[in-house]
Amino acid sequence: MRTAISRAYYAAYHSAAHFVRWQGILTTGQSHWAVWRALSKRLSIEHVWIGRSGDELKRLRVRAEYSLPFLGDLPLATEDAITQARSLVEAIRRLP
């Protein structure tokens, strides 16, 4: 389940990183923080939601990978991560 959370996060992150490079929003520094921050600093509500949600999913991924034991309901967190990542990827695809 921890791996599923991580893979869900990386699906969303790589979609976002590709988008910000393709749009010229972020041309240098492709760190996770830089990608989500670049999106959250845009003017549209969609960009801001993607940036903030991506950062939230990143925090869940870090917890899943490094917190022993995992605090909370791991099966529920896994479902939430997959749902959130799917929503992020779909929202990124809809951006102009």
C-alpha atoms as a PDB file:
ATOM      1  CA  MET A   1       0.000   0.000   0.000  1.00  0.00           C
ATOM      2  CA  ARG A   2       2.897   2.350   0.695  1.00  0.00           C
ATOM      3  CA  THR A   3       4.226   1.672  -2.790  1.00  0.00           C
ATOM      4  CA  ALA A   4       0.796   2.369  -4.287  1.00  0.00           C
ATOM      5  CA  ILE A   5       0.737   5.764  -2.551  1.00  0.00           C
ATOM      6  CA  SER A   6       4.193   6.549  -3.902  1.00  0.00           C
ATOM      7  CA  ARG A   7       3.332   5.511  -7.450  1.00  0.00           C
ATOM      8  CA  ALA A   8       0.095   7.460  -7.393  1.00  0.00           C
ATOM      9  CA  TYR A   9       2.032  10.541  -6.298  1.00  0.00           C
ATOM     10  CA  TYR A  10       4.660  10.124  -8.997  1.00  0.00           C
ATOM     11  CA  ALA A  11       2.003   9.753 -11.701  1.00  0.00           C
ATOM     12  CA  ALA A  12       0.614  13.140 -10.675  1.00  0.00           C
ATOM     13  CA  TYR A  13       4.031  14.740 -10.190  1.00  0.00           C
ATOM     14  CA  HIS A  14       5.369  13.699 -13.598  1.00  0.00           C
ATOM     15  CA  SER A  15       2.198  14.934 -15.300  1.00  0.00           C
ATOM     16  CA  ALA A  16       2.593  18.283 -13.541  1.00  0.00           C
ATOM     17  CA  ALA A  17       6.339  18.511 -14.220  1.00  0.00           C
ATOM     18  CA  HIS A  18       5.772  17.819 -17.922  1.00  0.00           C
ATOM     19  CA  PHE A  19       3.020  20.453 -18.029  1.00  0.00           C
ATOM     20  CA  VAL A  20       5.070  23.228 -16.407  1.00  0.00           C
ATOM     21  CA  ARG A  21       8.013  22.532 -18.736  1.00  0.00           C
ATOM     22  CA  TRP A  22       5.783  22.358 -21.824  1.00  0.00           C
ATOM     23  CA  GLN A  23       4.028  25.620 -20.903  1.00  0.00           C
ATOM     24  CA  GLY A  24       7.276  27.385 -20.000  1.00  0.00           C
ATOM     25  CA  ILE A  25       5.963  28.041 -16.487  1.00  0.00           C
ATOM     26  CA  LEU A  26       9.074  26.511 -14.959  1.00  0.00           C
ATOM     27  CA  THR A  27      12.203  26.276 -17.070  1.00  0.00           C
ATOM     28  CA  THR A  28      14.779  25.568 -14.380  1.00  0.00           C
ATOM     29  CA  GLY A  29      14.631  23.657 -11.131  1.00  0.00           C
ATOM     30  CA  GLN A  30      12.346  20.692 -11.496  1.00  0.00           C
ATOM     31  CA  SER A  31      12.206  19.826  -7.805  1.00  0.00           C
ATOM     32  CA  HIS A  32       8.914  18.577  -6.462  1.00  0.00           C
ATOM     33  CA  TRP A  33       8.522  21.721  -4.380  1.00  0.00           C
ATOM     34  CA  ALA A  34       9.235  23.964  -7.391  1.00  0.00           C
ATOM     35  CA  VAL A  35       6.675  22.237  -9.628  1.00  0.00           C
ATOM     36  CA  TRP A  36       3.809  22.390  -7.124  1.00  0.00           C
ATOM     37  CA  ARG A  37       4.699  25.944  -6.080  1.00  0.00           C
ATOM     38  CA  ALA A  38       4.850  27.152  -9.686  1.00  0.00           C
ATOM     39  CA  LEU A  39       1.333  25.862 -10.244  1.00  0.00           C
ATOM     40  CA  SER A  40      -0.067  27.199  -6.974  1.00  0.00           C
ATOM     41  CA  LYS A  41       1.221  30.699  -7.798  1.00  0.00           C
ATOM     42  CA  ARG A  42      -0.743  30.919 -11.065  1.00  0.00           C
ATOM     43  CA  LEU A  43      -3.868  33.046 -11.337  1.00  0.00           C
ATOM     44  CA  SER A  44      -6.453  30.415 -12.212  1.00  0.00           C
ATOM     45  CA  ILE A  45      -8.317  28.483  -9.557  1.00  0.00           C
ATOM     46  CA  GLU A  46      -7.495  25.238 -11.382  1.00  0.00           C
ATOM     47  CA  HIS A  47      -3.753  25.852 -11.264  1.00  0.00           C
ATOM     48  CA  VAL A  48      -3.883  26.780  -7.581  1.00  0.00           C
ATOM     49  CA  TRP A  49      -5.944  23.672  -6.742  1.00  0.00           C
ATOM     50  CA  ILE A  50      -3.494  21.437  -8.631  1.00  0.00           C
ATOM     51  CA  GLY A  51      -0.486  23.001  -6.920  1.00  0.00           C
ATOM     52  CA  ARG A  52      -1.928  22.740  -3.427  1.00  0.00           C
ATOM     53  CA  SER A  53      -3.370  19.252  -3.937  1.00  0.00           C
ATOM     54  CA  GLY A  54      -0.098  18.023  -5.401  1.00  0.00           C
ATOM     55  CA  ASP A  55       1.814  19.318  -2.420  1.00  0.00           C
ATOM     56  CA  GLU A  56      -0.666  17.652  -0.068  1.00  0.00           C
ATOM     57  CA  LEU A  57      -0.258  14.350  -1.938  1.00  0.00           C
ATOM     58  CA  LYS A  58       3.523  14.762  -1.700  1.00  0.00           C
ATOM     59  CA  ARG A  59       3.287  15.020   2.082  1.00  0.00           C
ATOM     60  CA  LEU A  60       1.241  11.808   2.154  1.00  0.00           C
ATOM     61  CA  ARG A  61       3.853  10.081  -0.013  1.00  0.00           C
ATOM     62  CA  VAL A  62       6.636  11.131   2.348  1.00  0.00           C
ATOM     63  CA  ARG A  63       4.657   9.794   5.316  1.00  0.00           C
ATOM     64  CA  ALA A  64       4.034   6.517   3.499  1.00  0.00           C
ATOM     65  CA  GLU A  65       7.687   6.090   2.590  1.00  0.00           C
ATOM     66  CA  TYR A  66       9.372   7.195   5.804  1.00  0.00           C
ATOM     67  CA  SER A  67       6.993   6.930   8.782  1.00  0.00           C
ATOM     68  CA  LEU A  68       7.339   3.666  10.635  1.00  0.00           C
ATOM     69  CA  PRO A  69       4.793   2.741  11.691  1.00  0.00           C
ATOM     70  CA  PHE A  70       2.373   4.562   9.400  1.00  0.00           C
ATOM     71  CA  LEU A  71       0.116   6.685  11.573  1.00  0.00           C
ATOM     72  CA  GLY A  72      -3.461   6.466  10.416  1.00  0.00           C
ATOM     73  CA  ASP A  73      -5.536   4.162   8.268  1.00  0.00           C
ATOM     74  CA  LEU A  74      -3.162   2.919   5.562  1.00  0.00           C
ATOM     75  CA  PRO A  75      -5.825   1.279   3.348  1.00  0.00           C
ATOM     76  CA  LEU A  76      -7.918   4.461   3.417  1.00  0.00           C
ATOM     77  CA  ALA A  77      -4.860   6.641   2.772  1.00  0.00           C
ATOM     78  CA  THR A  78      -4.000   4.434  -0.215  1.00  0.00           C
ATOM     79  CA  GLU A  79      -7.478   4.822  -1.715  1.00  0.00           C
ATOM     80  CA  ASP A  80      -7.363   8.565  -1.101  1.00  0.00           C
ATOM     81  CA  ALA A  81      -3.929   8.881  -2.743  1.00  0.00           C
ATOM     82  CA  ILE A  82      -5.053   7.015  -5.856  1.00  0.00           C
ATOM     83  CA  THR A  83      -8.237   9.068  -6.116  1.00  0.00           C
ATOM     84  CA  GLN A  84      -6.339  12.324  -5.593  1.00  0.00           C
ATOM     85  CA  ALA A  85      -3.665  11.428  -8.136  1.00  0.00           C
ATOM     86  CA  ARG A  86      -6.303  10.491 -10.706  1.00  0.00           C
ATOM     87  CA  SER A  87      -8.070  13.818 -10.125  1.00  0.00           C
ATOM     88  CA  LEU A  88      -4.797  15.719 -10.460  1.00  0.00           C
ATOM     89  CA  VAL A  89      -3.819  14.023 -13.724  1.00  0.00           C
ATOM     90  CA  GLU A  90      -7.292  14.653 -15.178  1.00  0.00           C
ATOM     91  CA  ALA A  91      -7.212  18.305 -14.067  1.00  0.00           C
ATOM     92  CA  ILE A  92      -3.763  18.794 -15.623  1.00  0.00           C
ATOM     93  CA  ARG A  93      -5.008  17.326 -18.909  1.00  0.00           C
ATOM     94  CA  ARG A  94      -7.868  19.844 -18.951  1.00  0.00           C
ATOM     95  CA  LEU A  95      -5.605  22.885 -18.489  1.00  0.00           C
ATOM     96  CA  PRO A  96      -5.253  25.117 -21.539  1.00  0.00           C
END
